[in-house]
Amino acid sequence: MDEQTLDIFSAARARRDVGRIREAVAEVKAGDIARVLVRSPRYGLYAIEGAVRIGVGGQPLVGDVILATSAEIQRIDLGIAAPEPALSADVVDPSTLPHGTPVRVTFVTPTAATFAVTGPITAGNDRFLLVGSWIVADDRVIAPRVVSIERLDDVDLHEVNVPPLRSVLVDADA
């Protein structure tokens, strides 16, 4: 991810670029590589990069983000380089990733292929660490779909881009 894009995480809220979003949705096709910037009250500000695929309902998506319907989308960039796992990055112990730590995590799934999510680690009153809506670790064990985790120590996340701790319903019998 380029420096200009990483700077978005250090800045306070910017306005949604609705025109750019509409243009991207109108021209995007399956197989294009895209970056989608999402602002979520639950997961904070995060970017997901990967190949566009067409979902069951005919909607284009990247990872788990439907491009045409989400009011949380802030920006869509097309024509970027395909995400690559940071195989040379140090192996990160998930217990060293407190809530709000900026990371870039590369995932591989059978349906979404290889994609990367950049943003703050989120934690809650459960055993999961997430970036965006994707599980990075379960009880300090790296999730099976994670290929690499990069700690982005040079990124100074602005506080408005880090959500509060996630609230989670807890089973009364647990």
N, C-alpha and C. Protein backbone atom coordinates (compact mmCIF):
# COMPACT_ATOMS: atom_id res chain seq x y z
N MET A 1 0.86 -1.17 0.00
CA MET A 1 0.00 0.00 0.00
C MET A 1 0.90 1.23 0.00
N ASP A 2 0.57 2.21 -0.82
CA ASP A 2 1.42 3.39 -0.95
C ASP A 2 1.26 4.34 0.24
N GLU A 3 2.26 5.23 0.39
CA GLU A 3 2.28 6.16 1.52
C GLU A 3 1.06 7.08 1.55
N GLN A 4 0.62 7.55 0.39
CA GLN A 4 -0.53 8.45 0.34
C GLN A 4 -1.78 7.77 0.89
N THR A 5 -1.96 6.51 0.58
CA THR A 5 -3.11 5.78 1.09
C THR A 5 -2.96 5.54 2.59
N LEU A 6 -1.77 5.19 3.03
CA LEU A 6 -1.54 4.99 4.47
C LEU A 6 -1.79 6.26 5.26
N ASP A 7 -1.53 7.43 4.65
CA ASP A 7 -1.76 8.71 5.34
C ASP A 7 -3.23 8.91 5.70
N ILE A 8 -4.14 8.27 4.99
CA ILE A 8 -5.57 8.38 5.28
C ILE A 8 -5.86 7.95 6.71
N PHE A 9 -5.13 6.96 7.19
CA PHE A 9 -5.36 6.44 8.54
C PHE A 9 -4.91 7.41 9.62
N SER A 10 -3.99 8.32 9.28
CA SER A 10 -3.48 9.30 10.24
C SER A 10 -4.33 10.56 10.31
N ALA A 11 -5.18 10.76 9.33
CA ALA A 11 -5.98 11.98 9.24
C ALA A 11 -7.34 11.80 9.91
N ALA A 12 -7.91 12.93 10.31
CA ALA A 12 -9.29 12.90 10.82
C ALA A 12 -10.22 12.58 9.65
N ARG A 13 -11.46 12.43 9.92
CA ARG A 13 -12.44 12.05 8.90
C ARG A 13 -12.40 12.96 7.68
N ALA A 14 -12.47 12.31 6.54
CA ALA A 14 -12.60 13.03 5.28
C ALA A 14 -14.00 12.74 4.74
N ARG A 15 -14.44 13.58 3.83
CA ARG A 15 -15.77 13.36 3.24
C ARG A 15 -15.74 12.15 2.31
N ARG A 16 -16.88 11.46 2.26
CA ARG A 16 -17.03 10.36 1.30
C ARG A 16 -16.96 10.92 -0.10
N ASP A 17 -16.28 10.22 -0.96
CA ASP A 17 -16.17 10.63 -2.36
C ASP A 17 -17.25 9.88 -3.16
N VAL A 18 -18.50 10.35 -3.04
CA VAL A 18 -19.64 9.65 -3.64
C VAL A 18 -19.51 9.56 -5.15
N GLY A 19 -19.07 10.63 -5.79
CA GLY A 19 -18.91 10.61 -7.25
C GLY A 19 -17.92 9.55 -7.69
N ARG A 20 -16.79 9.49 -7.00
CA ARG A 20 -15.76 8.51 -7.34
C ARG A 20 -16.27 7.08 -7.09
N ILE A 21 -17.05 6.91 -6.02
CA ILE A 21 -17.61 5.59 -5.71
C ILE A 21 -18.55 5.16 -6.83
N ARG A 22 -19.44 6.06 -7.25
CA ARG A 22 -20.39 5.73 -8.33
C ARG A 22 -19.67 5.39 -9.63
N GLU A 23 -18.64 6.18 -9.96
CA GLU A 23 -17.87 5.91 -11.18
C GLU A 23 -17.22 4.53 -11.12
N ALA A 24 -16.62 4.22 -9.98
CA ALA A 24 -15.94 2.93 -9.83
C ALA A 24 -16.93 1.78 -9.94
N VAL A 25 -18.08 1.90 -9.29
CA VAL A 25 -19.09 0.83 -9.35
C VAL A 25 -19.59 0.64 -10.78
N ALA A 26 -19.71 1.75 -11.53
CA ALA A 26 -20.21 1.66 -12.91
C ALA A 26 -19.21 0.97 -13.84
N GLU A 27 -17.92 1.13 -13.58
CA GLU A 27 -16.93 0.57 -14.51
C GLU A 27 -16.26 -0.71 -14.04
N VAL A 28 -16.42 -1.09 -12.80
CA VAL A 28 -15.73 -2.26 -12.26
C VAL A 28 -16.28 -3.55 -12.87
N LYS A 29 -15.37 -4.52 -13.05
CA LYS A 29 -15.81 -5.82 -13.55
C LYS A 29 -15.04 -6.92 -12.81
N ALA A 30 -15.58 -8.11 -12.87
CA ALA A 30 -14.96 -9.25 -12.18
C ALA A 30 -13.51 -9.39 -12.62
N GLY A 31 -12.64 -9.61 -11.64
CA GLY A 31 -11.22 -9.79 -11.91
C GLY A 31 -10.40 -8.53 -11.74
N ASP A 32 -11.05 -7.34 -11.78
CA ASP A 32 -10.31 -6.10 -11.52
C ASP A 32 -9.74 -6.15 -10.11
N ILE A 33 -8.63 -5.48 -9.91
CA ILE A 33 -8.07 -5.36 -8.56
C ILE A 33 -8.50 -4.00 -8.02
N ALA A 34 -9.07 -4.00 -6.82
CA ALA A 34 -9.60 -2.76 -6.25
C ALA A 34 -9.22 -2.63 -4.78
N ARG A 35 -9.19 -1.39 -4.32
CA ARG A 35 -9.03 -1.07 -2.90
C ARG A 35 -10.30 -0.35 -2.47
N VAL A 36 -10.92 -0.84 -1.41
CA VAL A 36 -12.14 -0.24 -0.89
C VAL A 36 -11.85 0.27 0.52
N LEU A 37 -12.06 1.56 0.72
CA LEU A 37 -11.87 2.16 2.03
C LEU A 37 -13.22 2.21 2.73
N VAL A 38 -13.29 1.62 3.92
CA VAL A 38 -14.55 1.46 4.64
C VAL A 38 -14.43 2.10 6.02
N ARG A 39 -15.46 2.84 6.43
CA ARG A 39 -15.53 3.37 7.79
C ARG A 39 -16.71 2.71 8.48
N SER A 40 -16.41 1.98 9.55
CA SER A 40 -17.43 1.23 10.27
C SER A 40 -17.41 1.61 11.75
N PRO A 41 -18.58 1.81 12.36
CA PRO A 41 -18.58 2.10 13.79
C PRO A 41 -18.03 0.93 14.61
N ARG A 42 -18.13 -0.27 14.08
CA ARG A 42 -17.67 -1.46 14.81
C ARG A 42 -16.20 -1.78 14.57
N TYR A 43 -15.71 -1.56 13.34
CA TYR A 43 -14.36 -1.97 12.97
C TYR A 43 -13.42 -0.80 12.68
N GLY A 44 -13.89 0.42 12.72
CA GLY A 44 -13.05 1.58 12.45
C GLY A 44 -12.85 1.79 10.96
N LEU A 45 -11.79 2.52 10.62
CA LEU A 45 -11.46 2.78 9.22
C LEU A 45 -10.51 1.69 8.76
N TYR A 46 -10.87 1.01 7.67
CA TYR A 46 -9.99 -0.03 7.14
C TYR A 46 -10.10 -0.07 5.62
N ALA A 47 -9.06 -0.61 5.01
CA ALA A 47 -9.02 -0.77 3.56
C ALA A 47 -8.93 -2.25 3.25
N ILE A 48 -9.68 -2.68 2.25
CA ILE A 48 -9.61 -4.06 1.80
C ILE A 48 -9.24 -4.04 0.33
N GLU A 49 -8.21 -4.82 -0.03
CA GLU A 49 -7.69 -4.84 -1.40
C GLU A 49 -7.73 -6.26 -1.94
N GLY A 50 -8.18 -6.39 -3.16
CA GLY A 50 -8.19 -7.71 -3.78
C GLY A 50 -8.95 -7.70 -5.08
N ALA A 51 -9.13 -8.88 -5.62
CA ALA A 51 -9.84 -9.03 -6.89
C ALA A 51 -11.34 -8.86 -6.67
N VAL A 52 -11.96 -8.17 -7.59
CA VAL A 52 -13.41 -8.01 -7.57
C VAL A 52 -14.02 -9.32 -8.06
N ARG A 53 -15.03 -9.77 -7.37
CA ARG A 53 -15.78 -10.94 -7.82
C ARG A 53 -17.25 -10.57 -7.80
N ILE A 54 -18.05 -11.32 -8.47
CA ILE A 54 -19.49 -11.05 -8.53
C ILE A 54 -20.18 -12.03 -7.60
N GLY A 55 -20.95 -11.48 -6.66
CA GLY A 55 -21.64 -12.29 -5.67
C GLY A 55 -22.90 -12.94 -6.23
N VAL A 56 -23.55 -13.71 -5.40
CA VAL A 56 -24.75 -14.46 -5.78
C VAL A 56 -25.82 -13.55 -6.37
N GLY A 57 -26.00 -12.37 -5.80
CA GLY A 57 -27.03 -11.45 -6.28
C GLY A 57 -26.59 -10.59 -7.44
N GLY A 58 -25.41 -10.87 -8.01
CA GLY A 58 -24.92 -10.09 -9.14
C GLY A 58 -24.17 -8.83 -8.74
N GLN A 59 -23.96 -8.62 -7.43
CA GLN A 59 -23.28 -7.43 -6.94
C GLN A 59 -21.76 -7.65 -6.92
N PRO A 60 -20.98 -6.64 -7.32
CA PRO A 60 -19.53 -6.77 -7.23
C PRO A 60 -19.08 -6.65 -5.77
N LEU A 61 -18.11 -7.48 -5.39
CA LEU A 61 -17.56 -7.38 -4.04
C LEU A 61 -16.06 -7.58 -4.03
N VAL A 62 -15.44 -7.05 -2.98
CA VAL A 62 -14.03 -7.29 -2.69
C VAL A 62 -14.00 -7.84 -1.27
N GLY A 63 -13.44 -9.03 -1.10
CA GLY A 63 -13.50 -9.68 0.21
C GLY A 63 -14.95 -9.91 0.55
N ASP A 64 -15.41 -9.26 1.63
CA ASP A 64 -16.82 -9.38 2.03
C ASP A 64 -17.59 -8.08 1.88
N VAL A 65 -17.00 -7.09 1.19
CA VAL A 65 -17.63 -5.77 1.04
C VAL A 65 -18.32 -5.68 -0.31
N ILE A 66 -19.65 -5.51 -0.27
CA ILE A 66 -20.43 -5.32 -1.49
C ILE A 66 -20.26 -3.87 -1.92
N LEU A 67 -19.75 -3.66 -3.12
CA LEU A 67 -19.38 -2.32 -3.56
C LEU A 67 -20.57 -1.40 -3.80
N ALA A 68 -21.68 -1.93 -4.25
CA ALA A 68 -22.78 -1.08 -4.69
C ALA A 68 -23.77 -0.72 -3.60
N THR A 69 -23.67 -1.31 -2.42
CA THR A 69 -24.75 -1.10 -1.45
C THR A 69 -24.32 -0.55 -0.10
N SER A 70 -23.07 -0.46 0.18
CA SER A 70 -22.64 -0.09 1.52
C SER A 70 -22.49 1.42 1.69
N ALA A 71 -23.21 1.96 2.67
CA ALA A 71 -23.08 3.38 3.00
C ALA A 71 -21.79 3.64 3.77
N GLU A 72 -21.12 2.56 4.22
CA GLU A 72 -19.87 2.72 4.96
C GLU A 72 -18.67 2.92 4.05
N ILE A 73 -18.81 2.65 2.75
CA ILE A 73 -17.69 2.81 1.82
C ILE A 73 -17.35 4.29 1.69
N GLN A 74 -16.07 4.60 1.84
CA GLN A 74 -15.59 5.98 1.74
C GLN A 74 -14.98 6.27 0.37
N ARG A 75 -14.36 5.23 -0.23
CA ARG A 75 -13.67 5.43 -1.50
C ARG A 75 -13.41 4.07 -2.13
N ILE A 76 -13.37 4.04 -3.45
CA ILE A 76 -12.98 2.84 -4.20
C ILE A 76 -11.91 3.25 -5.19
N ASP A 77 -10.77 2.56 -5.15
CA ASP A 77 -9.68 2.78 -6.10
C ASP A 77 -9.56 1.54 -6.98
N LEU A 78 -9.55 1.74 -8.29
CA LEU A 78 -9.39 0.63 -9.24
C LEU A 78 -7.99 0.68 -9.85
N GLY A 79 -7.58 -0.44 -10.41
CA GLY A 79 -6.31 -0.47 -11.13
C GLY A 79 -5.08 -0.47 -10.24
N ILE A 80 -5.21 -0.97 -9.03
CA ILE A 80 -4.05 -1.04 -8.14
C ILE A 80 -3.37 -2.40 -8.34
N ALA A 81 -2.19 -2.55 -7.76
CA ALA A 81 -1.48 -3.83 -7.83
C ALA A 81 -2.17 -4.86 -6.94
N ALA A 82 -2.12 -6.10 -7.36
CA ALA A 82 -2.71 -7.18 -6.56
C ALA A 82 -1.96 -7.30 -5.23
N PRO A 83 -2.68 -7.53 -4.15
CA PRO A 83 -2.02 -7.65 -2.85
C PRO A 83 -1.15 -8.90 -2.79
N GLU A 84 0.01 -8.74 -2.18
CA GLU A 84 0.94 -9.85 -2.00
C GLU A 84 1.15 -10.07 -0.52
N PRO A 85 1.24 -11.31 -0.08
CA PRO A 85 1.56 -11.56 1.32
C PRO A 85 2.95 -11.02 1.66
N ALA A 86 3.10 -10.50 2.86
CA ALA A 86 4.39 -9.99 3.32
C ALA A 86 5.17 -11.15 3.92
N LEU A 87 5.64 -12.04 3.06
CA LEU A 87 6.29 -13.25 3.54
C LEU A 87 7.62 -12.96 4.22
N SER A 88 8.21 -11.79 3.93
CA SER A 88 9.47 -11.43 4.58
C SER A 88 9.25 -10.71 5.91
N ALA A 89 8.00 -10.39 6.23
CA ALA A 89 7.72 -9.70 7.49
C ALA A 89 7.97 -10.64 8.66
N ASP A 90 8.31 -10.05 9.80
CA ASP A 90 8.50 -10.85 11.00
C ASP A 90 7.20 -11.54 11.37
N VAL A 91 7.30 -12.73 11.92
CA VAL A 91 6.12 -13.43 12.41
C VAL A 91 5.64 -12.66 13.64
N VAL A 92 4.37 -12.28 13.63
CA VAL A 92 3.82 -11.47 14.71
C VAL A 92 3.06 -12.36 15.67
N ASP A 93 3.40 -12.26 16.93
CA ASP A 93 2.67 -12.96 17.98
C ASP A 93 1.38 -12.18 18.22
N PRO A 94 0.21 -12.78 18.01
CA PRO A 94 -1.04 -12.05 18.18
C PRO A 94 -1.21 -11.40 19.56
N SER A 95 -0.58 -11.95 20.58
CA SER A 95 -0.72 -11.36 21.91
C SER A 95 -0.01 -10.01 22.01
N THR A 96 0.80 -9.66 21.00
CA THR A 96 1.48 -8.35 21.00
C THR A 96 0.71 -7.33 20.17
N LEU A 97 -0.53 -7.63 19.83
CA LEU A 97 -1.35 -6.73 19.01
C LEU A 97 -2.53 -6.22 19.82
N PRO A 98 -2.33 -5.20 20.63
CA PRO A 98 -3.46 -4.67 21.39
C PRO A 98 -4.45 -3.94 20.49
N HIS A 99 -5.64 -3.74 21.00
CA HIS A 99 -6.69 -3.00 20.30
C HIS A 99 -6.13 -1.68 19.77
N GLY A 100 -6.37 -1.40 18.50
CA GLY A 100 -5.93 -0.15 17.89
C GLY A 100 -4.59 -0.22 17.20
N THR A 101 -3.89 -1.34 17.25
CA THR A 101 -2.60 -1.47 16.56
C THR A 101 -2.83 -1.49 15.05
N PRO A 102 -2.14 -0.61 14.29
CA PRO A 102 -2.32 -0.63 12.83
C PRO A 102 -1.59 -1.83 12.22
N VAL A 103 -2.31 -2.57 11.38
CA VAL A 103 -1.75 -3.77 10.74
C VAL A 103 -2.21 -3.86 9.29
N ARG A 104 -1.52 -4.69 8.55
CA ARG A 104 -1.94 -5.10 7.21
C ARG A 104 -1.87 -6.62 7.22
N VAL A 105 -3.02 -7.25 7.04
CA VAL A 105 -3.11 -8.71 7.12
C VAL A 105 -3.53 -9.24 5.75
N THR A 106 -2.80 -10.23 5.27
CA THR A 106 -3.14 -10.86 4.00
C THR A 106 -3.82 -12.19 4.29
N PHE A 107 -4.93 -12.41 3.61
CA PHE A 107 -5.74 -13.61 3.78
C PHE A 107 -5.82 -14.36 2.45
N VAL A 108 -6.06 -15.66 2.52
CA VAL A 108 -6.38 -16.46 1.33
C VAL A 108 -7.60 -17.31 1.69
N THR A 109 -8.64 -17.21 0.84
CA THR A 109 -9.84 -18.02 1.03
C THR A 109 -10.19 -18.68 -0.30
N PRO A 110 -10.93 -19.77 -0.27
CA PRO A 110 -11.31 -20.42 -1.53
C PRO A 110 -12.17 -19.53 -2.43
N THR A 111 -13.01 -18.70 -1.85
CA THR A 111 -13.92 -17.88 -2.67
C THR A 111 -13.34 -16.53 -3.04
N ALA A 112 -12.64 -15.88 -2.11
CA ALA A 112 -12.15 -14.52 -2.37
C ALA A 112 -10.69 -14.50 -2.79
N ALA A 113 -10.04 -15.66 -2.88
CA ALA A 113 -8.62 -15.76 -3.27
C ALA A 113 -7.76 -14.97 -2.28
N THR A 114 -6.75 -14.27 -2.78
CA THR A 114 -5.85 -13.50 -1.91
C THR A 114 -6.34 -12.07 -1.82
N PHE A 115 -6.44 -11.56 -0.60
CA PHE A 115 -6.80 -10.16 -0.39
C PHE A 115 -6.12 -9.68 0.89
N ALA A 116 -6.02 -8.37 1.03
CA ALA A 116 -5.37 -7.78 2.20
C ALA A 116 -6.31 -6.79 2.86
N VAL A 117 -6.24 -6.73 4.18
CA VAL A 117 -7.02 -5.77 4.95
C VAL A 117 -6.04 -4.96 5.80
N THR A 118 -6.14 -3.63 5.69
CA THR A 118 -5.28 -2.73 6.44
C THR A 118 -6.16 -1.89 7.35
N GLY A 119 -5.78 -1.79 8.62
CA GLY A 119 -6.55 -0.98 9.56
C GLY A 119 -6.16 -1.33 10.98
N PRO A 120 -6.95 -0.85 11.94
CA PRO A 120 -6.64 -1.14 13.34
C PRO A 120 -7.11 -2.53 13.75
N ILE A 121 -6.32 -3.18 14.57
CA ILE A 121 -6.77 -4.42 15.22
C ILE A 121 -7.89 -4.03 16.16
N THR A 122 -8.97 -4.81 16.16
CA THR A 122 -10.03 -4.56 17.14
C THR A 122 -10.17 -5.77 18.04
N ALA A 123 -10.45 -5.47 19.29
CA ALA A 123 -10.63 -6.50 20.31
C ALA A 123 -11.94 -6.22 21.02
N GLY A 124 -12.43 -7.20 21.73
CA GLY A 124 -13.66 -7.05 22.50
C GLY A 124 -13.61 -7.97 23.70
N ASN A 125 -14.77 -8.21 24.27
CA ASN A 125 -14.81 -9.10 25.44
C ASN A 125 -14.97 -10.55 25.00
N ASP A 126 -14.28 -10.90 23.92
CA ASP A 126 -14.23 -12.27 23.44
C ASP A 126 -12.77 -12.61 23.18
N ARG A 127 -12.51 -13.73 22.58
CA ARG A 127 -11.12 -14.15 22.38
C ARG A 127 -10.58 -13.81 20.99
N PHE A 128 -11.32 -13.04 20.19
CA PHE A 128 -10.94 -12.78 18.81
C PHE A 128 -10.28 -11.42 18.63
N LEU A 129 -9.27 -11.39 17.75
CA LEU A 129 -8.71 -10.14 17.24
C LEU A 129 -9.12 -10.06 15.78
N LEU A 130 -9.59 -8.89 15.36
CA LEU A 130 -10.05 -8.71 14.00
C LEU A 130 -9.37 -7.51 13.37
N VAL A 131 -9.31 -7.50 12.03
CA VAL A 131 -9.02 -6.30 11.26
C VAL A 131 -10.15 -6.24 10.24
N GLY A 132 -10.85 -5.12 10.20
CA GLY A 132 -12.10 -5.11 9.46
C GLY A 132 -12.99 -6.15 10.10
N SER A 133 -13.72 -6.90 9.31
CA SER A 133 -14.58 -7.95 9.87
C SER A 133 -13.92 -9.32 9.83
N TRP A 134 -12.63 -9.36 9.55
CA TRP A 134 -11.91 -10.63 9.37
C TRP A 134 -11.14 -11.01 10.62
N ILE A 135 -11.24 -12.28 11.01
CA ILE A 135 -10.55 -12.79 12.20
C ILE A 135 -9.07 -12.96 11.90
N VAL A 136 -8.25 -12.32 12.73
CA VAL A 136 -6.79 -12.42 12.63
C VAL A 136 -6.29 -13.51 13.57
N ALA A 137 -6.86 -13.54 14.78
CA ALA A 137 -6.44 -14.53 15.77
C ALA A 137 -7.62 -14.94 16.63
N ASP A 138 -7.58 -16.20 17.04
CA ASP A 138 -8.58 -16.77 17.94
C ASP A 138 -7.83 -17.29 19.15
N ASP A 139 -8.02 -16.62 20.27
CA ASP A 139 -7.35 -17.01 21.52
C ASP A 139 -5.83 -17.09 21.32
N ARG A 140 -5.27 -16.07 20.71
CA ARG A 140 -3.83 -15.89 20.48
C ARG A 140 -3.24 -16.87 19.46
N VAL A 141 -4.10 -17.56 18.71
CA VAL A 141 -3.64 -18.45 17.64
C VAL A 141 -4.03 -17.80 16.32
N ILE A 142 -3.05 -17.66 15.43
CA ILE A 142 -3.32 -17.02 14.14
C ILE A 142 -4.36 -17.83 13.38
N ALA A 143 -5.34 -17.11 12.83
CA ALA A 143 -6.46 -17.75 12.11
C ALA A 143 -5.95 -18.50 10.88
N PRO A 144 -6.64 -19.58 10.49
CA PRO A 144 -6.16 -20.43 9.39
C PRO A 144 -6.08 -19.73 8.03
N ARG A 145 -6.88 -18.72 7.77
CA ARG A 145 -6.87 -18.05 6.46
C ARG A 145 -5.83 -16.94 6.38
N VAL A 146 -5.14 -16.64 7.48
CA VAL A 146 -4.13 -15.58 7.51
C VAL A 146 -2.83 -16.11 6.92
N VAL A 147 -2.29 -15.35 5.94
CA VAL A 147 -1.02 -15.70 5.32
C VAL A 147 0.10 -14.88 5.93
N SER A 148 -0.16 -13.59 6.19
CA SER A 148 0.86 -12.74 6.80
C SER A 148 0.20 -11.63 7.60
N ILE A 149 0.93 -11.17 8.61
CA ILE A 149 0.51 -10.03 9.43
C ILE A 149 1.68 -9.07 9.48
N GLU A 150 1.46 -7.84 9.03
CA GLU A 150 2.47 -6.79 9.12
C GLU A 150 2.01 -5.77 10.16
N ARG A 151 2.84 -5.50 11.13
CA ARG A 151 2.56 -4.42 12.08
C ARG A 151 3.04 -3.14 11.40
N LEU A 152 2.17 -2.14 11.30
CA LEU A 152 2.50 -0.88 10.62
C LEU A 152 2.90 0.17 11.65
N ASP A 153 4.10 0.00 12.19
CA ASP A 153 4.56 0.89 13.25
C ASP A 153 4.71 2.34 12.80
N ASP A 154 4.89 2.57 11.50
CA ASP A 154 5.06 3.94 11.00
C ASP A 154 3.73 4.67 10.81
N VAL A 155 2.62 3.97 10.95
CA VAL A 155 1.30 4.60 10.78
C VAL A 155 0.81 5.07 12.13
N ASP A 156 0.52 6.37 12.21
CA ASP A 156 0.00 6.95 13.44
C ASP A 156 -1.52 7.08 13.28
N LEU A 157 -2.25 6.06 13.73
CA LEU A 157 -3.71 6.06 13.56
C LEU A 157 -4.34 7.22 14.31
N HIS A 158 -5.16 7.99 13.60
CA HIS A 158 -5.93 9.05 14.26
C HIS A 158 -7.00 8.39 15.12
N GLU A 159 -7.27 8.95 16.28
CA GLU A 159 -8.20 8.33 17.23
C GLU A 159 -9.60 8.12 16.66
N VAL A 160 -10.04 8.96 15.73
CA VAL A 160 -11.39 8.76 15.16
C VAL A 160 -11.45 7.54 14.24
N ASN A 161 -10.29 7.02 13.85
CA ASN A 161 -10.25 5.87 12.96
C ASN A 161 -10.15 4.54 13.70
N VAL A 162 -10.10 4.62 15.04
CA VAL A 162 -10.05 3.42 15.87
C VAL A 162 -11.37 3.33 16.63
N PRO A 163 -12.12 2.25 16.48
CA PRO A 163 -13.41 2.14 17.17
C PRO A 163 -13.21 1.81 18.64
N PRO A 164 -14.26 1.96 19.44
CA PRO A 164 -14.16 1.47 20.82
C PRO A 164 -14.06 -0.05 20.82
N LEU A 165 -13.72 -0.62 21.96
CA LEU A 165 -13.68 -2.08 22.06
C LEU A 165 -15.01 -2.65 21.58
N ARG A 166 -14.94 -3.74 20.84
CA ARG A 166 -16.16 -4.36 20.32
C ARG A 166 -16.96 -4.97 21.46
N SER A 167 -18.25 -4.71 21.47
CA SER A 167 -19.11 -5.39 22.44
C SER A 167 -19.59 -6.68 21.78
N VAL A 168 -19.67 -7.72 22.58
CA VAL A 168 -20.02 -9.03 22.07
C VAL A 168 -21.01 -9.66 23.02
N LEU A 169 -22.05 -10.28 22.48
CA LEU A 169 -22.97 -11.03 23.32
C LEU A 169 -22.24 -12.26 23.85
N VAL A 170 -22.34 -12.47 25.14
CA VAL A 170 -21.66 -13.61 25.74
C VAL A 170 -22.71 -14.62 26.17
N ASP A 171 -22.48 -15.87 25.85
CA ASP A 171 -23.39 -16.95 26.22
C ASP A 171 -23.42 -17.08 27.74
N ALA A 172 -24.60 -17.06 28.33
CA ALA A 172 -24.75 -17.12 29.78
C ALA A 172 -24.22 -18.42 30.35
N ASP A 173 -24.20 -19.48 29.55
CA ASP A 173 -23.71 -20.77 30.04
C ASP A 173 -22.20 -20.92 29.91
N ALA A 174 -21.55 -19.98 29.26
CA ALA A 174 -20.11 -20.10 29.02
C ALA A 174 -19.30 -19.79 30.25
